[in-house]
Amino acid sequence: MNTEPESTEPDPHEPAAVGEASEASAADTPPTAATAEPRRSRSKPLLIAGGIIVAVALIASQAYLITSLSSTNEDIGALKAQIIDVSRGVTDVETAVDDLSEGISTAAAVAAAPNDTGVSPAPAVPAGFLPRFTNGEADTALGLKMATVDATEAYSLEAVTIDPTDGTKRVWLIWAHWCPYCQQELPELSTWYPENADRFPNSELVTVTTSMDPSRGNPLDEYLEAEQFPFPVLVDEDSKIAAQFGTSAFPFWVVTNGDGTVLYRTAGLIGPEAVEQLFTQLEEVGT
């Protein structure tokens, strides 16, 4: 009796072995609960890291806001300080202008006053010299006549003689090359004067550089060459002219009428606004 060996080929209708089924379909089947668990475990650190980043960003934003507010408050404080400084500067200019106007008007009245007005005469000084003047004190030179001024003009190098009684009204500025206030006043005056001189046809500006001192810096010759001032600069080699005007400090201002009468004197930086008012008042004074 012949017997056929049993077939070892799997029956296509029978399910495959569990192991084989798992290997054949692992790439196609959706993950089960067991395979999904590692992904959840990996997502937790990511969520924590994301939360930390958000928190850090919020803290940084708050810190920036606080810093910005602090900077803004500092800027506001600085702006307030600048406004106060400007207000003080305006007040100083207004005070200087008022003083100039009052001084010139008073001096003009003194010069025109008859001998019986009771005005005290100036103390005796050398002929041709005005008494020394200091701000805050009564100016005993008001009403006196200026003497002739002799000097060398810095740019032309010509000998110059100015007679204060020649009919021209003058604003005299006595300055020193080493004086910081003069170094501030002169460039501003150099800008203002050429633009406004024609408005004052009966008046002129004359400056005198004096008290030379090479040891104090800002050499005079180099300073004059660099600035090229658009008004006369008389060189007072021996400080005689400074003494003639009664100079007490720099810059020193003297105003004379067309007949040489001293109308006003002051010491210190006054600025272009006050200078303009000074010339305006001088033009309005008679003679």
Protein backbone atom coordinates (compact mmCIF):
# COMPACT_ATOMS: atom_id res chain seq x y z
CA MET A 1 0.00 0.00 0.00
CA ASN A 2 1.46 3.26 -1.15
CA THR A 3 1.23 6.22 1.08
CA GLU A 4 1.96 9.87 0.01
CA PRO A 5 4.00 12.01 2.31
CA GLU A 6 2.16 14.68 4.06
CA SER A 7 2.53 18.12 2.51
CA THR A 8 4.48 20.63 4.52
CA GLU A 9 3.20 23.69 2.55
CA PRO A 10 0.88 25.83 4.55
CA ASP A 11 -2.71 25.91 3.67
CA PRO A 12 -3.51 29.32 2.27
CA HIS A 13 -6.75 29.26 4.18
CA GLU A 14 -5.09 28.78 7.54
CA PRO A 15 -3.88 31.81 9.52
CA ALA A 16 -0.19 32.36 9.64
CA ALA A 17 1.73 31.80 12.79
CA VAL A 18 1.59 34.58 15.29
CA GLY A 19 5.27 35.39 14.96
CA GLU A 20 5.15 35.46 11.18
CA ALA A 21 2.09 37.67 11.11
CA SER A 22 3.75 40.15 13.42
CA GLU A 23 6.92 40.34 11.32
CA ALA A 24 5.06 40.63 8.00
CA SER A 25 2.67 43.41 9.06
CA ALA A 26 4.70 45.44 11.57
CA ALA A 27 5.23 48.30 9.14
CA ASP A 28 1.64 48.61 8.07
CA THR A 29 -0.39 48.29 11.24
CA PRO A 30 -1.17 51.32 13.46
CA PRO A 31 0.62 51.49 16.80
CA THR A 32 -0.97 49.80 19.70
CA ALA A 33 -1.08 51.16 23.25
CA ALA A 34 2.22 49.44 23.91
CA THR A 35 4.01 51.12 21.01
CA ALA A 36 2.49 54.59 21.70
CA GLU A 37 3.74 54.79 25.29
CA PRO A 38 7.39 55.68 24.46
CA ARG A 39 6.24 58.61 22.28
CA ARG A 40 4.25 60.05 25.16
CA SER A 41 7.27 59.70 27.40
CA ARG A 42 9.40 61.64 24.89
CA SER A 43 6.80 64.44 24.57
CA LYS A 44 6.87 65.32 28.29
CA PRO A 45 10.41 66.80 28.29
CA LEU A 46 9.51 68.80 25.18
CA LEU A 47 6.46 70.27 26.88
CA ILE A 48 8.51 71.14 29.96
CA ALA A 49 11.22 72.74 27.84
CA GLY A 50 8.59 74.74 25.94
CA GLY A 51 7.09 75.95 29.19
CA ILE A 52 10.50 77.05 30.45
CA ILE A 53 11.15 78.97 27.21
CA VAL A 54 7.82 80.76 27.50
CA ALA A 55 8.49 81.66 31.14
CA VAL A 56 11.96 82.97 30.32
CA ALA A 57 10.49 85.04 27.47
CA LEU A 58 7.90 86.56 29.80
CA ILE A 59 10.55 87.39 32.40
CA ALA A 60 12.77 88.96 29.72
CA SER A 61 9.85 91.03 28.42
CA GLN A 62 9.06 92.30 31.92
CA ALA A 63 12.73 93.12 32.55
CA TYR A 64 12.90 95.04 29.25
CA LEU A 65 9.72 96.93 30.13
CA ILE A 66 11.08 97.88 33.55
CA THR A 67 14.40 98.99 32.00
CA SER A 68 12.58 101.02 29.35
CA LEU A 69 10.43 102.72 31.95
CA SER A 70 13.52 103.50 34.01
CA SER A 71 15.30 104.96 30.97
CA THR A 72 12.20 106.98 30.10
CA ASN A 73 12.05 108.41 33.61
CA GLU A 74 15.75 109.33 33.38
CA ASP A 75 15.16 111.00 30.00
CA ILE A 76 12.22 112.95 31.42
CA GLY A 77 14.37 114.06 34.35
CA ALA A 78 17.16 115.19 32.02
CA LEU A 79 14.66 117.06 29.84
CA LYS A 80 13.24 118.85 32.87
CA ALA A 81 16.77 119.86 33.90
CA GLN A 82 17.44 121.23 30.39
CA ILE A 83 14.20 123.21 30.46
CA ILE A 84 15.18 124.70 33.84
CA ASP A 85 18.62 125.62 32.48
CA VAL A 86 17.08 127.29 29.41
CA SER A 87 14.63 129.19 31.60
CA ARG A 88 17.47 130.42 33.78
CA GLY A 89 19.42 131.44 30.69
CA VAL A 90 16.45 133.42 29.35
CA THR A 91 16.05 135.09 32.72
CA ASP A 92 19.74 136.00 32.80
CA VAL A 93 19.54 137.54 29.32
CA GLU A 94 16.40 139.48 30.20
CA THR A 95 18.10 140.79 33.35
CA ALA A 96 21.20 141.79 31.39
CA VAL A 97 19.08 143.60 28.80
CA ASP A 98 17.13 145.44 31.50
CA ASP A 99 20.37 146.47 33.21
CA LEU A 100 21.83 147.72 29.94
CA SER A 101 18.75 149.76 29.07
CA GLU A 102 18.50 151.27 32.53
CA GLY A 103 22.24 151.97 32.69
CA ILE A 104 22.37 153.78 29.34
CA SER A 105 19.25 155.82 30.05
CA THR A 106 20.51 156.83 33.50
CA ALA A 107 23.94 157.72 32.16
CA ALA A 108 22.45 159.85 29.40
CA ALA A 109 20.39 161.72 31.99
CA VAL A 110 23.44 162.25 34.19
CA ALA A 111 25.46 163.55 31.23
CA ALA A 112 22.71 166.04 30.35
CA ALA A 113 22.04 167.13 33.93
CA PRO A 114 23.01 170.71 34.96
CA ASN A 115 25.57 171.25 37.71
CA ASP A 116 22.93 172.03 40.33
CA THR A 117 21.30 168.57 40.27
CA GLY A 118 23.28 167.33 43.23
CA VAL A 119 25.00 164.53 41.27
CA SER A 120 28.30 163.71 43.00
CA PRO A 121 31.40 164.17 40.86
CA ALA A 122 33.71 161.26 40.13
CA PRO A 123 36.79 160.87 42.34
CA ALA A 124 40.03 162.27 40.99
CA VAL A 125 41.93 159.95 38.62
CA PRO A 126 44.93 160.49 36.34
CA ALA A 127 44.13 162.65 33.33
CA GLY A 128 42.63 160.60 30.51
CA PHE A 129 41.78 157.63 32.77
CA LEU A 130 38.41 156.47 34.05
CA PRO A 131 38.02 155.27 37.65
CA ARG A 132 38.16 151.53 38.09
CA PHE A 133 34.71 149.92 37.96
CA THR A 134 33.37 146.74 39.55
CA ASN A 135 29.90 145.30 38.91
CA GLY A 136 27.48 146.02 41.73
CA GLU A 137 29.08 149.31 42.66
CA ALA A 138 28.01 152.81 41.65
CA ASP A 139 29.82 153.79 38.46
CA THR A 140 31.41 157.17 39.09
CA ALA A 141 32.64 157.38 35.48
CA LEU A 142 29.16 157.97 34.07
CA GLY A 143 29.06 161.38 32.45
CA LEU A 144 32.84 161.68 32.17
CA LYS A 145 34.56 162.21 28.83
CA MET A 146 36.77 159.53 27.31
CA ALA A 147 40.26 160.53 26.25
CA THR A 148 41.88 159.72 22.90
CA VAL A 149 42.88 156.09 22.42
CA ASP A 150 46.15 155.26 20.63
CA ALA A 151 47.07 151.72 19.59
CA THR A 152 48.07 149.39 16.75
CA GLU A 153 45.32 147.55 14.87
CA ALA A 154 46.00 143.80 14.97
CA TYR A 155 45.17 142.92 11.34
CA SER A 156 46.37 145.99 9.44
CA LEU A 157 49.31 146.60 11.81
CA GLU A 158 48.64 150.30 11.36
CA ALA A 159 48.86 152.87 14.15
CA VAL A 160 45.35 153.97 15.03
CA THR A 161 44.13 157.03 16.95
CA ILE A 162 40.46 157.12 17.96
CA ASP A 163 38.95 160.32 19.25
CA PRO A 164 35.81 159.42 21.24
CA THR A 165 34.50 162.98 20.72
CA ASP A 166 34.42 162.69 16.89
CA GLY A 167 30.64 162.21 16.74
CA THR A 168 30.62 158.42 16.44
CA LYS A 169 28.92 156.44 19.17
CA ARG A 170 30.93 153.41 20.24
CA VAL A 171 30.68 150.14 22.07
CA TRP A 172 34.12 149.18 23.39
CA LEU A 173 35.01 145.61 24.35
CA ILE A 174 38.23 145.01 26.30
CA TRP A 175 39.27 141.33 26.33
CA ALA A 176 42.16 138.95 27.01
CA HIS A 177 43.15 136.02 24.79
CA TRP A 178 43.35 133.61 27.76
CA CYS A 179 39.93 134.54 29.21
CA PRO A 180 37.40 131.67 28.71
CA TYR A 181 34.45 134.06 28.82
CA CYS A 182 36.07 136.19 26.10
CA GLN A 183 36.63 133.03 24.04
CA GLN A 184 32.89 132.40 24.27
CA GLU A 185 31.79 136.00 23.71
CA LEU A 186 34.00 136.88 20.73
CA PRO A 187 32.94 134.17 18.20
CA GLU A 188 29.26 134.89 18.92
CA LEU A 189 29.91 138.61 18.48
CA SER A 190 31.86 137.85 15.30
CA THR A 191 28.77 136.16 13.86
CA TRP A 192 26.25 138.74 15.06
CA TYR A 193 28.06 141.98 14.17
CA PRO A 194 28.47 141.68 10.36
CA GLU A 195 24.81 140.73 10.01
CA ASN A 196 23.54 143.65 12.12
CA ALA A 197 26.08 146.50 11.89
CA ASP A 198 24.15 148.25 9.10
CA ARG A 199 21.16 148.61 11.41
CA PHE A 200 23.19 150.95 13.63
CA PRO A 201 24.69 153.56 11.26
CA ASN A 202 25.69 155.96 14.04
CA SER A 203 27.49 153.39 16.20
CA GLU A 204 30.49 151.11 15.84
CA LEU A 205 32.15 148.28 17.72
CA VAL A 206 35.80 148.59 18.73
CA THR A 207 37.60 145.84 20.65
CA VAL A 208 40.85 145.99 22.59
CA THR A 209 42.96 142.93 23.35
CA THR A 210 45.09 143.40 26.44
CA SER A 211 46.83 141.65 29.32
CA MET A 212 48.96 139.41 27.07
CA ASP A 213 50.33 136.36 28.85
CA PRO A 214 51.96 133.59 26.72
CA SER A 215 52.12 131.29 29.75
CA ARG A 216 48.31 131.07 29.97
CA GLY A 217 47.69 129.32 26.64
CA ASN A 218 45.74 130.25 23.50
CA PRO A 219 48.53 132.34 21.92
CA LEU A 220 47.19 135.70 20.78
CA ASP A 221 48.62 135.76 17.24
CA GLU A 222 47.35 132.28 16.43
CA TYR A 223 43.94 133.09 17.93
CA LEU A 224 43.57 136.28 15.88
CA GLU A 225 44.65 134.49 12.72
CA ALA A 226 42.20 131.64 13.27
CA GLU A 227 39.20 133.81 14.17
CA GLN A 228 39.63 136.70 11.68
CA PHE A 229 37.35 139.00 13.64
CA PRO A 230 35.24 141.34 11.43
CA PHE A 231 35.70 144.37 13.69
CA PRO A 232 38.71 146.45 14.75
CA VAL A 233 41.04 144.82 17.27
CA LEU A 234 43.38 147.25 18.99
CA VAL A 235 46.47 145.71 20.59
CA ASP A 236 47.15 147.02 24.10
CA GLU A 237 50.76 145.94 24.56
CA ASP A 238 51.33 147.48 28.00
CA SER A 239 47.72 147.32 29.35
CA LYS A 240 47.57 151.12 29.35
CA ILE A 241 44.27 151.20 27.41
CA ALA A 242 42.71 148.71 29.84
CA ALA A 243 43.68 151.02 32.71
CA GLN A 244 42.39 154.01 30.74
CA PHE A 245 38.92 152.42 30.62
CA GLY A 246 39.02 151.44 34.32
CA THR A 247 38.91 147.73 33.47
CA SER A 248 38.32 145.40 36.41
CA ALA A 249 37.56 142.04 34.72
CA PHE A 250 37.21 140.44 31.29
CA PRO A 251 35.31 140.84 29.09
CA PHE A 252 34.80 144.53 29.94
CA TRP A 253 32.25 146.72 28.13
CA VAL A 254 32.23 150.52 27.83
CA VAL A 255 29.63 152.57 25.94
CA THR A 256 30.41 156.13 24.85
CA ASN A 257 28.24 158.74 23.19
CA GLY A 258 29.28 160.71 20.11
CA ASP A 259 30.82 163.43 22.26
CA GLY A 260 32.90 160.91 24.23
CA THR A 261 30.62 160.79 27.27
CA VAL A 262 30.68 157.50 29.17
CA LEU A 263 27.13 156.13 29.24
CA TYR A 264 27.57 152.61 30.56
CA ARG A 265 30.15 150.08 31.80
CA THR A 266 29.84 146.46 32.81
CA ALA A 267 32.09 143.43 33.23
CA GLY A 268 31.33 139.87 32.15
CA LEU A 269 29.80 137.77 29.38
CA ILE A 270 26.53 139.31 28.10
CA GLY A 271 25.78 137.51 24.81
CA PRO A 272 24.48 138.69 21.39
CA GLU A 273 20.94 139.46 22.58
CA ALA A 274 22.15 141.93 25.18
CA VAL A 275 24.68 143.41 22.74
CA GLU A 276 21.89 144.07 20.25
CA GLN A 277 19.80 145.78 22.89
CA LEU A 278 22.84 147.83 23.89
CA PHE A 279 23.32 149.09 20.31
CA THR A 280 19.59 149.76 19.97
CA GLN A 281 19.57 151.89 23.10
CA LEU A 282 22.73 153.69 22.01
CA GLU A 283 21.20 154.63 18.65
CA GLU A 284 18.22 156.18 20.45
CA VAL A 285 20.36 158.36 22.73
CA GLY A 286 20.91 161.90 21.44
CA THR A 287 24.28 163.33 20.32
